[in-house]
């Protein structure tokens, strides 16, 4: 995985290299996943699908609190993404206690 970090550092605009890094990081533990997604999303913040993948990874490995933190960052980064808001609202419905009206 270290070699892939070198590739994205040398050519940070290589989207395919970033995708490979993200896939490889998932096999090396959640701290690697966080570092990879945080670095990727700093470079490409408008890629809403990757925010969702990141939140899904956090939900699966760390629980709803960490996933919600990712969604909160995501909607700040791209507040006008309908798809992202839909995913976030569905996450809240599925994972959070919502008072009945």
PDB file of N, CA and C in Angstrom:
ATOM      1  N   UNK A   1       0.820  -1.193   0.000  1.00  0.00           N
ATOM      2  CA  UNK A   1       0.000   0.000   0.000  1.00  0.00           C
ATOM      3  C   UNK A   1       0.864   1.257   0.000  1.00  0.00           C
ATOM      4  N   UNK A   2       2.064   1.177   0.568  1.00  0.00           N
ATOM      5  CA  UNK A   2       2.958   2.328   0.584  1.00  0.00           C
ATOM      6  C   UNK A   2       3.309   2.808  -0.807  1.00  0.00           C
ATOM      7  N   UNK A   3       3.458   1.862  -1.731  1.00  0.00           N
ATOM      8  CA  UNK A   3       3.773   2.231  -3.110  1.00  0.00           C
ATOM      9  C   UNK A   3       2.638   3.052  -3.711  1.00  0.00           C
ATOM     10  N   UNK A   4       1.393   2.686  -3.397  1.00  0.00           N
ATOM     11  CA  UNK A   4       0.252   3.410  -3.952  1.00  0.00           C
ATOM     12  C   UNK A   4       0.174   4.830  -3.394  1.00  0.00           C
ATOM     13  N   UNK A   5       0.565   5.008  -2.139  1.00  0.00           N
ATOM     14  CA  UNK A   5       0.623   6.364  -1.577  1.00  0.00           C
ATOM     15  C   UNK A   5       1.628   7.202  -2.353  1.00  0.00           C
ATOM     16  N   UNK A   6       2.755   6.600  -2.704  1.00  0.00           N
ATOM     17  CA  UNK A   6       3.775   7.312  -3.475  1.00  0.00           C
ATOM     18  C   UNK A   6       3.216   7.734  -4.824  1.00  0.00           C
ATOM     19  N   UNK A   7       2.464   6.841  -5.462  1.00  0.00           N
ATOM     20  CA  UNK A   7       1.882   7.146  -6.775  1.00  0.00           C
ATOM     21  C   UNK A   7       0.963   8.361  -6.683  1.00  0.00           C
ATOM     22  N   UNK A   8       0.088   8.416  -5.685  1.00  0.00           N
ATOM     23  CA  UNK A   8      -0.840   9.553  -5.596  1.00  0.00           C
ATOM     24  C   UNK A   8      -0.137  10.824  -5.129  1.00  0.00           C
ATOM     25  N   UNK A   9       0.968  10.689  -4.409  1.00  0.00           N
ATOM     26  CA  UNK A   9       1.723  11.878  -4.013  1.00  0.00           C
ATOM     27  C   UNK A   9       2.470  12.467  -5.201  1.00  0.00           C
ATOM     28  N   UNK A  10       2.990  11.601  -6.061  1.00  0.00           N
ATOM     29  CA  UNK A  10       3.705  12.065  -7.249  1.00  0.00           C
ATOM     30  C   UNK A  10       2.736  12.673  -8.257  1.00  0.00           C
ATOM     31  N   UNK A  11       1.580  12.050  -8.410  1.00  0.00           N
ATOM     32  CA  UNK A  11       0.580  12.545  -9.355  1.00  0.00           C
ATOM     33  C   UNK A  11      -0.780  12.613  -8.662  1.00  0.00           C
ATOM     34  N   UNK A  12      -1.025  13.676  -7.893  1.00  0.00           N
ATOM     35  CA  UNK A  12      -2.265  13.758  -7.114  1.00  0.00           C
ATOM     36  C   UNK A  12      -3.535  13.904  -7.956  1.00  0.00           C
ATOM     37  N   UNK A  13      -3.403  14.162  -9.245  1.00  0.00           N
ATOM     38  CA  UNK A  13      -4.578  14.281 -10.109  1.00  0.00           C
ATOM     39  C   UNK A  13      -4.967  12.959 -10.768  1.00  0.00           C
ATOM     40  N   UNK A  14      -4.231  11.892 -10.485  1.00  0.00           N
ATOM     41  CA  UNK A  14      -4.503  10.579 -11.071  1.00  0.00           C
ATOM     42  C   UNK A  14      -5.653   9.912 -10.316  1.00  0.00           C
ATOM     43  N   UNK A  15      -6.858  10.100 -10.831  1.00  0.00           N
ATOM     44  CA  UNK A  15      -8.059   9.607 -10.160  1.00  0.00           C
ATOM     45  C   UNK A  15      -8.040   8.084 -10.023  1.00  0.00           C
ATOM     46  N   UNK A  16      -7.588   7.389 -11.053  1.00  0.00           N
ATOM     47  CA  UNK A  16      -7.538   5.923 -11.008  1.00  0.00           C
ATOM     48  C   UNK A  16      -6.594   5.443  -9.909  1.00  0.00           C
ATOM     49  N   UNK A  17      -5.493   6.144  -9.715  1.00  0.00           N
ATOM     50  CA  UNK A  17      -4.552   5.776  -8.647  1.00  0.00           C
ATOM     51  C   UNK A  17      -5.201   5.960  -7.278  1.00  0.00           C
ATOM     52  N   UNK A  18      -5.976   7.018  -7.120  1.00  0.00           N
ATOM     53  CA  UNK A  18      -6.698   7.233  -5.862  1.00  0.00           C
ATOM     54  C   UNK A  18      -7.712   6.115  -5.620  1.00  0.00           C
ATOM     55  N   UNK A  19      -8.428   5.727  -6.676  1.00  0.00           N
ATOM     56  CA  UNK A  19      -9.403   4.644  -6.524  1.00  0.00           C
ATOM     57  C   UNK A  19      -8.730   3.351  -6.071  1.00  0.00           C
ATOM     58  N   UNK A  20      -7.577   3.052  -6.651  1.00  0.00           N
ATOM     59  CA  UNK A  20      -6.834   1.859  -6.255  1.00  0.00           C
ATOM     60  C   UNK A  20      -6.382   1.970  -4.802  1.00  0.00           C
ATOM     61  N   UNK A  21      -5.919   3.136  -4.412  1.00  0.00           N
ATOM     62  CA  UNK A  21      -5.501   3.351  -3.023  1.00  0.00           C
ATOM     63  C   UNK A  21      -6.671   3.120  -2.066  1.00  0.00           C
ATOM     64  N   UNK A  22      -7.838   3.631  -2.406  1.00  0.00           N
ATOM     65  CA  UNK A  22      -9.012   3.440  -1.553  1.00  0.00           C
ATOM     66  C   UNK A  22      -9.367   1.962  -1.424  1.00  0.00           C
ATOM     67  N   UNK A  23      -9.330   1.249  -2.539  1.00  0.00           N
ATOM     68  CA  UNK A  23      -9.626  -0.192  -2.489  1.00  0.00           C
ATOM     69  C   UNK A  23      -8.595  -0.936  -1.641  1.00  0.00           C
ATOM     70  N   UNK A  24      -7.327  -0.613  -1.818  1.00  0.00           N
ATOM     71  CA  UNK A  24      -6.276  -1.279  -1.051  1.00  0.00           C
ATOM     72  C   UNK A  24      -6.377  -0.955   0.434  1.00  0.00           C
ATOM     73  N   UNK A  25      -6.749   0.258   0.757  1.00  0.00           N
ATOM     74  CA  UNK A  25      -6.801   0.665   2.163  1.00  0.00           C
ATOM     75  C   UNK A  25      -7.844  -0.128   2.940  1.00  0.00           C
ATOM     76  N   UNK A  26      -8.914  -0.526   2.276  1.00  0.00           N
ATOM     77  CA  UNK A  26      -9.971  -1.277   2.950  1.00  0.00           C
ATOM     78  C   UNK A  26      -9.480  -2.620   3.479  1.00  0.00           C
ATOM     79  N   UNK A  27      -8.407  -3.129   2.915  1.00  0.00           N
ATOM     80  CA  UNK A  27      -7.849  -4.403   3.375  1.00  0.00           C
ATOM     81  C   UNK A  27      -6.851  -4.221   4.519  1.00  0.00           C
ATOM     82  N   UNK A  28      -6.567  -2.975   4.889  1.00  0.00           N
ATOM     83  CA  UNK A  28      -5.524  -2.714   5.881  1.00  0.00           C
ATOM     84  C   UNK A  28      -6.014  -2.017   7.143  1.00  0.00           C
ATOM     85  N   UNK A  29      -7.293  -2.093   7.446  1.00  0.00           N
ATOM     86  CA  UNK A  29      -7.793  -1.543   8.701  1.00  0.00           C
ATOM     87  C   UNK A  29      -8.416  -0.173   8.561  1.00  0.00           C
ATOM     88  N   UNK A  30      -9.269   0.155   9.529  1.00  0.00           N
ATOM     89  CA  UNK A  30     -10.068   1.373   9.462  1.00  0.00           C
ATOM     90  C   UNK A  30      -9.226   2.641   9.530  1.00  0.00           C
ATOM     91  N   UNK A  31      -8.116   2.626  10.255  1.00  0.00           N
ATOM     92  CA  UNK A  31      -7.294   3.844  10.305  1.00  0.00           C
ATOM     93  C   UNK A  31      -6.718   4.148   8.929  1.00  0.00           C
ATOM     94  N   UNK A  32      -6.367   3.125   8.160  1.00  0.00           N
ATOM     95  CA  UNK A  32      -5.895   3.334   6.793  1.00  0.00           C
ATOM     96  C   UNK A  32      -7.017   3.821   5.893  1.00  0.00           C
ATOM     97  N   UNK A  33      -8.211   3.283   6.110  1.00  0.00           N
ATOM     98  CA  UNK A  33      -9.372   3.717   5.325  1.00  0.00           C
ATOM     99  C   UNK A  33      -9.631   5.199   5.571  1.00  0.00           C
ATOM    100  N   UNK A  34      -9.616   5.603   6.826  1.00  0.00           N
ATOM    101  CA  UNK A  34      -9.858   7.017   7.156  1.00  0.00           C
ATOM    102  C   UNK A  34      -8.824   7.928   6.498  1.00  0.00           C
ATOM    103  N   UNK A  35      -7.561   7.566   6.632  1.00  0.00           N
ATOM    104  CA  UNK A  35      -6.500   8.389   6.047  1.00  0.00           C
ATOM    105  C   UNK A  35      -6.673   8.491   4.535  1.00  0.00           C
ATOM    106  N   UNK A  36      -6.959   7.371   3.892  1.00  0.00           N
ATOM    107  CA  UNK A  36      -7.118   7.374   2.439  1.00  0.00           C
ATOM    108  C   UNK A  36      -8.327   8.207   2.014  1.00  0.00           C
ATOM    109  N   UNK A  37      -9.482   7.983   2.654  1.00  0.00           N
ATOM    110  CA  UNK A  37     -10.675   8.745   2.284  1.00  0.00           C
ATOM    111  C   UNK A  37     -10.514  10.227   2.609  1.00  0.00           C
ATOM    112  N   UNK A  38      -9.952  10.547   3.763  1.00  0.00           N
ATOM    113  CA  UNK A  38      -9.760  11.959   4.109  1.00  0.00           C
ATOM    114  C   UNK A  38      -8.863  12.651   3.088  1.00  0.00           C
ATOM    115  N   UNK A  39      -7.794  11.990   2.691  1.00  0.00           N
ATOM    116  CA  UNK A  39      -6.874  12.575   1.707  1.00  0.00           C
ATOM    117  C   UNK A  39      -7.546  12.708   0.344  1.00  0.00           C
ATOM    118  N   UNK A  40      -8.248  11.662  -0.066  1.00  0.00           N
ATOM    119  CA  UNK A  40      -8.945  11.682  -1.352  1.00  0.00           C
ATOM    120  C   UNK A  40      -9.998  12.789  -1.388  1.00  0.00           C
ATOM    121  N   UNK A  41     -10.810  12.870  -0.337  1.00  0.00           N
ATOM    122  CA  UNK A  41     -11.909  13.838  -0.329  1.00  0.00           C
ATOM    123  C   UNK A  41     -11.434  15.267  -0.134  1.00  0.00           C
ATOM    124  N   UNK A  42     -10.236  15.435   0.394  1.00  0.00           N
ATOM    125  CA  UNK A  42      -9.640  16.773   0.427  1.00  0.00           C
ATOM    126  C   UNK A  42      -9.315  17.221  -0.995  1.00  0.00           C
ATOM    127  N   UNK A  43      -8.869  16.285  -1.813  1.00  0.00           N
ATOM    128  CA  UNK A  43      -8.522  16.581  -3.209  1.00  0.00           C
ATOM    129  C   UNK A  43      -9.767  16.642  -4.100  1.00  0.00           C
ATOM    130  N   UNK A  44     -10.724  15.745  -3.863  1.00  0.00           N
ATOM    131  CA  UNK A  44     -11.926  15.632  -4.699  1.00  0.00           C
ATOM    132  C   UNK A  44     -13.187  15.715  -3.829  1.00  0.00           C
ATOM    133  N   UNK A  45     -13.467  16.861  -3.235  1.00  0.00           N
ATOM    134  CA  UNK A  45     -14.575  16.946  -2.266  1.00  0.00           C
ATOM    135  C   UNK A  45     -15.968  16.811  -2.879  1.00  0.00           C
ATOM    136  N   UNK A  46     -16.098  16.960  -4.172  1.00  0.00           N
ATOM    137  CA  UNK A  46     -17.422  16.921  -4.790  1.00  0.00           C
ATOM    138  C   UNK A  46     -17.850  15.525  -5.238  1.00  0.00           C
ATOM    139  N   UNK A  47     -17.053  14.529  -4.948  1.00  0.00           N
ATOM    140  CA  UNK A  47     -17.382  13.144  -5.325  1.00  0.00           C
ATOM    141  C   UNK A  47     -18.302  12.537  -4.275  1.00  0.00           C
ATOM    142  N   UNK A  48     -19.601  12.805  -4.394  1.00  0.00           N
ATOM    143  CA  UNK A  48     -20.538  12.433  -3.332  1.00  0.00           C
ATOM    144  C   UNK A  48     -20.575  10.931  -3.084  1.00  0.00           C
ATOM    145  N   UNK A  49     -20.381  10.125  -4.113  1.00  0.00           N
ATOM    146  CA  UNK A  49     -20.411   8.675  -3.943  1.00  0.00           C
ATOM    147  C   UNK A  49     -19.329   8.176  -3.007  1.00  0.00           C
ATOM    148  N   UNK A  50     -18.203   8.867  -2.995  1.00  0.00           N
ATOM    149  CA  UNK A  50     -17.112   8.468  -2.101  1.00  0.00           C
ATOM    150  C   UNK A  50     -17.386   8.899  -0.668  1.00  0.00           C
ATOM    151  N   UNK A  51     -18.101   9.988  -0.489  1.00  0.00           N
ATOM    152  CA  UNK A  51     -18.534  10.344   0.865  1.00  0.00           C
ATOM    153  C   UNK A  51     -19.443   9.240   1.404  1.00  0.00           C
ATOM    154  N   UNK A  52     -20.339   8.749   0.548  1.00  0.00           N
ATOM    155  CA  UNK A  52     -21.240   7.674   0.977  1.00  0.00           C
ATOM    156  C   UNK A  52     -20.461   6.400   1.292  1.00  0.00           C
ATOM    157  N   UNK A  53     -19.505   6.041   0.441  1.00  0.00           N
ATOM    158  CA  UNK A  53     -18.680   4.857   0.711  1.00  0.00           C
ATOM    159  C   UNK A  53     -17.941   4.995   2.035  1.00  0.00           C
ATOM    160  N   UNK A  54     -17.436   6.182   2.293  1.00  0.00           N
ATOM    161  CA  UNK A  54     -16.712   6.442   3.539  1.00  0.00           C
ATOM    162  C   UNK A  54     -17.662   6.284   4.731  1.00  0.00           C
ATOM    163  N   UNK A  55     -18.831   6.878   4.640  1.00  0.00           N
ATOM    164  CA  UNK A  55     -19.811   6.762   5.728  1.00  0.00           C
ATOM    165  C   UNK A  55     -20.234   5.305   5.925  1.00  0.00           C
ATOM    166  N   UNK A  56     -20.426   4.583   4.842  1.00  0.00           N
ATOM    167  CA  UNK A  56     -20.790   3.162   4.945  1.00  0.00           C
ATOM    168  C   UNK A  56     -19.692   2.361   5.634  1.00  0.00           C
ATOM    169  N   UNK A  57     -18.456   2.665   5.309  1.00  0.00           N
ATOM    170  CA  UNK A  57     -17.327   1.980   5.942  1.00  0.00           C
ATOM    171  C   UNK A  57     -17.292   2.269   7.438  1.00  0.00           C
ATOM    172  N   UNK A  58     -17.500   3.528   7.798  1.00  0.00           N
ATOM    173  CA  UNK A  58     -17.519   3.893   9.216  1.00  0.00           C
ATOM    174  C   UNK A  58     -18.680   3.206   9.939  1.00  0.00           C
ATOM    175  N   UNK A  59     -19.835   3.165   9.308  1.00  0.00           N
ATOM    176  CA  UNK A  59     -20.995   2.511   9.916  1.00  0.00           C
ATOM    177  C   UNK A  59     -20.710   1.032  10.160  1.00  0.00           C
ATOM    178  N   UNK A  60     -20.152   0.382   9.170  1.00  0.00           N
ATOM    179  CA  UNK A  60     -19.855  -1.048   9.251  1.00  0.00           C
ATOM    180  C   UNK A  60     -18.794  -1.350  10.317  1.00  0.00           C
ATOM    181  N   UNK A  61     -17.779  -0.513  10.409  1.00  0.00           N
ATOM    182  CA  UNK A  61     -16.632  -0.817  11.269  1.00  0.00           C
ATOM    183  C   UNK A  61     -16.631  -0.111  12.621  1.00  0.00           C
ATOM    184  N   UNK A  62     -17.252   1.063  12.704  1.00  0.00           N
ATOM    185  CA  UNK A  62     -17.165   1.858  13.930  1.00  0.00           C
ATOM    186  C   UNK A  62     -18.519   2.227  14.530  1.00  0.00           C
ATOM    187  N   UNK A  63     -19.582   2.144  13.728  1.00  0.00           N
ATOM    188  CA  UNK A  63     -20.903   2.438  14.252  1.00  0.00           C
ATOM    189  C   UNK A  63     -21.502   3.722  13.710  1.00  0.00           C
ATOM    190  N   UNK A  64     -22.768   3.986  14.066  1.00  0.00           N
ATOM    191  CA  UNK A  64     -23.503   5.114  13.496  1.00  0.00           C
ATOM    192  C   UNK A  64     -22.945   6.490  13.858  1.00  0.00           C
ATOM    193  N   UNK A  65     -22.316   6.624  15.012  1.00  0.00           N
ATOM    194  CA  UNK A  65     -21.791   7.940  15.391  1.00  0.00           C
ATOM    195  C   UNK A  65     -20.703   8.397  14.418  1.00  0.00           C
ATOM    196  N   UNK A  66     -19.788   7.491  14.086  1.00  0.00           N
ATOM    197  CA  UNK A  66     -18.703   7.836  13.153  1.00  0.00           C
ATOM    198  C   UNK A  66     -19.250   8.071  11.749  1.00  0.00           C
ATOM    199  N   UNK A  67     -20.231   7.266  11.351  1.00  0.00           N
ATOM    200  CA  UNK A  67     -20.835   7.458  10.034  1.00  0.00           C
ATOM    201  C   UNK A  67     -21.517   8.819   9.952  1.00  0.00           C
ATOM    202  N   UNK A  68     -22.194   9.202  11.023  1.00  0.00           N
ATOM    203  CA  UNK A  68     -22.863  10.502  11.033  1.00  0.00           C
ATOM    204  C   UNK A  68     -21.852  11.640  10.922  1.00  0.00           C
ATOM    205  N   UNK A  69     -20.705  11.496  11.564  1.00  0.00           N
ATOM    206  CA  UNK A  69     -19.657  12.517  11.452  1.00  0.00           C
ATOM    207  C   UNK A  69     -19.234  12.695   9.993  1.00  0.00           C
ATOM    208  N   UNK A  70     -19.107  11.589   9.277  1.00  0.00           N
ATOM    209  CA  UNK A  70     -18.731  11.670   7.862  1.00  0.00           C
ATOM    210  C   UNK A  70     -19.835  12.354   7.066  1.00  0.00           C
ATOM    211  N   UNK A  71     -21.087  11.963   7.283  1.00  0.00           N
ATOM    212  CA  UNK A  71     -22.190  12.606   6.571  1.00  0.00           C
ATOM    213  C   UNK A  71     -22.254  14.101   6.873  1.00  0.00           C
ATOM    214  N   UNK A  72     -22.006  14.490   8.118  1.00  0.00           N
ATOM    215  CA  UNK A  72     -22.020  15.916   8.472  1.00  0.00           C
ATOM    216  C   UNK A  72     -20.948  16.681   7.695  1.00  0.00           C
ATOM    217  N   UNK A  73     -19.771  16.109   7.597  1.00  0.00           N
ATOM    218  CA  UNK A  73     -18.704  16.741   6.810  1.00  0.00           C
ATOM    219  C   UNK A  73     -19.085  16.804   5.337  1.00  0.00           C
ATOM    220  N   UNK A  74     -19.723  15.734   4.859  1.00  0.00           N
ATOM    221  CA  UNK A  74     -20.086  15.645   3.447  1.00  0.00           C
ATOM    222  C   UNK A  74     -21.083  16.726   3.049  1.00  0.00           C
ATOM    223  N   UNK A  75     -22.123  16.924   3.852  1.00  0.00           N
ATOM    224  CA  UNK A  75     -23.136  17.913   3.472  1.00  0.00           C
ATOM    225  C   UNK A  75     -22.618  19.339   3.608  1.00  0.00           C
ATOM    226  N   UNK A  76     -21.582  19.531   4.385  1.00  0.00           N
ATOM    227  CA  UNK A  76     -20.930  20.844   4.413  1.00  0.00           C
ATOM    228  C   UNK A  76     -20.124  21.035   3.132  1.00  0.00           C
ATOM    229  N   UNK A  77     -19.440  19.978   2.703  1.00  0.00           N
ATOM    230  CA  UNK A  77     -18.590  20.059   1.509  1.00  0.00           C
ATOM    231  C   UNK A  77     -19.412  20.254   0.238  1.00  0.00           C
ATOM    232  N   UNK A  78     -20.525  19.540   0.131  1.00  0.00           N
ATOM    233  CA  UNK A  78     -21.377  19.662  -1.065  1.00  0.00           C
ATOM    234  C   UNK A  78     -22.842  19.726  -0.641  1.00  0.00           C
ATOM    235  N   UNK A  79     -23.198  20.881  -0.133  1.00  0.00           N
ATOM    236  CA  UNK A  79     -24.527  21.076   0.451  1.00  0.00           C
ATOM    237  C   UNK A  79     -25.668  21.000  -0.561  1.00  0.00           C
ATOM    238  N   UNK A  80     -25.374  21.116  -1.847  1.00  0.00           N
ATOM    239  CA  UNK A  80     -26.449  21.114  -2.845  1.00  0.00           C
ATOM    240  C   UNK A  80     -26.594  19.775  -3.575  1.00  0.00           C
ATOM    241  N   UNK A  81     -26.032  18.702  -3.039  1.00  0.00           N
ATOM    242  CA  UNK A  81     -26.148  17.383  -3.668  1.00  0.00           C
ATOM    243  C   UNK A  81     -27.405  16.671  -3.157  1.00  0.00           C
ATOM    244  N   UNK A  82     -28.392  16.582  -4.018  1.00  0.00           N
ATOM    245  CA  UNK A  82     -29.640  15.905  -3.653  1.00  0.00           C
ATOM    246  C   UNK A  82     -29.371  14.442  -3.304  1.00  0.00           C
ATOM    247  N   UNK A  83     -28.536  13.783  -4.098  1.00  0.00           N
ATOM    248  CA  UNK A  83     -28.235  12.368  -3.839  1.00  0.00           C
ATOM    249  C   UNK A  83     -27.611  12.181  -2.458  1.00  0.00           C
ATOM    250  N   UNK A  84     -26.684  13.044  -2.118  1.00  0.00           N
ATOM    251  CA  UNK A  84     -26.033  12.935  -0.813  1.00  0.00           C
ATOM    252  C   UNK A  84     -27.038  13.168   0.315  1.00  0.00           C
ATOM    253  N   UNK A  85     -27.868  14.180   0.178  1.00  0.00           N
ATOM    254  CA  UNK A  85     -28.882  14.438   1.199  1.00  0.00           C
ATOM    255  C   UNK A  85     -29.851  13.263   1.329  1.00  0.00           C
ATOM    256  N   UNK A  86     -30.217  12.652   0.199  1.00  0.00           N
ATOM    257  CA  UNK A  86     -31.091  11.470   0.260  1.00  0.00           C
ATOM    258  C   UNK A  86     -30.440  10.342   1.051  1.00  0.00           C
ATOM    259  N   UNK A  87     -29.162  10.093   0.787  1.00  0.00           N
ATOM    260  CA  UNK A  87     -28.444   9.042   1.524  1.00  0.00           C
ATOM    261  C   UNK A  87     -28.353   9.381   3.009  1.00  0.00           C
ATOM    262  N   UNK A  88     -28.083  10.641   3.296  1.00  0.00           N
ATOM    263  CA  UNK A  88     -27.962  11.062   4.696  1.00  0.00           C
ATOM    264  C   UNK A  88     -29.304  10.905   5.423  1.00  0.00           C
ATOM    265  N   UNK A  89     -30.376  11.341   4.786  1.00  0.00           N
ATOM    266  CA  UNK A  89     -31.705  11.205   5.412  1.00  0.00           C
ATOM    267  C   UNK A  89     -32.068   9.741   5.616  1.00  0.00           C
ATOM    268  N   UNK A  90     -31.767   8.898   4.645  1.00  0.00           N
ATOM    269  CA  UNK A  90     -32.054   7.470   4.800  1.00  0.00           C
ATOM    270  C   UNK A  90     -31.218   6.871   5.929  1.00  0.00           C
ATOM    271  N   UNK A  91     -29.970   7.290   6.030  1.00  0.00           N
ATOM    272  CA  UNK A  91     -29.117   6.846   7.136  1.00  0.00           C
ATOM    273  C   UNK A  91     -29.745   7.232   8.475  1.00  0.00           C
ATOM    274  N   UNK A  92     -30.209   8.468   8.580  1.00  0.00           N
ATOM    275  CA  UNK A  92     -30.820   8.932   9.832  1.00  0.00           C
ATOM    276  C   UNK A  92     -32.075   8.118  10.157  1.00  0.00           C
ATOM    277  N   UNK A  93     -32.895   7.850   9.167  1.00  0.00           N
ATOM    278  CA  UNK A  93     -34.105   7.053   9.379  1.00  0.00           C
ATOM    279  C   UNK A  93     -33.741   5.654   9.857  1.00  0.00           C
ATOM    280  N   UNK A  94     -32.737   5.060   9.240  1.00  0.00           N
ATOM    281  CA  UNK A  94     -32.360   3.678   9.552  1.00  0.00           C
ATOM    282  C   UNK A  94     -31.597   3.528  10.861  1.00  0.00           C
ATOM    283  N   UNK A  95     -30.869   4.560  11.276  1.00  0.00           N
ATOM    284  CA  UNK A  95     -29.916   4.386  12.375  1.00  0.00           C
ATOM    285  C   UNK A  95     -30.110   5.281  13.590  1.00  0.00           C
ATOM    286  N   UNK A  96     -31.008   6.212  13.509  1.00  0.00           N
ATOM    287  CA  UNK A  96     -31.140   7.153  14.619  1.00  0.00           C
ATOM    288  C   UNK A  96     -32.576   7.155  15.135  1.00  0.00           C
ATOM    289  N   UNK A  97     -32.686   7.428  16.383  1.00  0.00           N
ATOM    290  CA  UNK A  97     -34.027   7.554  16.956  1.00  0.00           C
ATOM    291  C   UNK A  97     -34.613   8.892  16.534  1.00  0.00           C
ATOM    292  N   UNK A  98     -35.740   8.803  15.918  1.00  0.00           N
ATOM    293  CA  UNK A  98     -36.420  10.014  15.469  1.00  0.00           C
ATOM    294  C   UNK A  98     -37.755  10.083  16.196  1.00  0.00           C
ATOM    295  N   UNK A  99     -37.992  11.210  16.818  1.00  0.00           N
ATOM    296  CA  UNK A  99     -39.258  11.369  17.540  1.00  0.00           C
ATOM    297  C   UNK A  99     -40.417  11.319  16.573  1.00  0.00           C
ATOM    298  N   UNK A 100     -41.472  10.657  16.988  1.00  0.00           N
ATOM    299  CA  UNK A 100     -42.679  10.639  16.171  1.00  0.00           C
ATOM    300  C   UNK A 100     -43.391  11.967  16.329  1.00  0.00           C
ATOM    301  N   UNK A 101     -43.969  12.433  15.263  1.00  0.00           N
ATOM    302  CA  UNK A 101     -44.699  13.705  15.303  1.00  0.00           C
ATOM    303  C   UNK A 101     -46.046  13.523  15.939  1.00  0.00           C
TER     304      UNK A 101
END
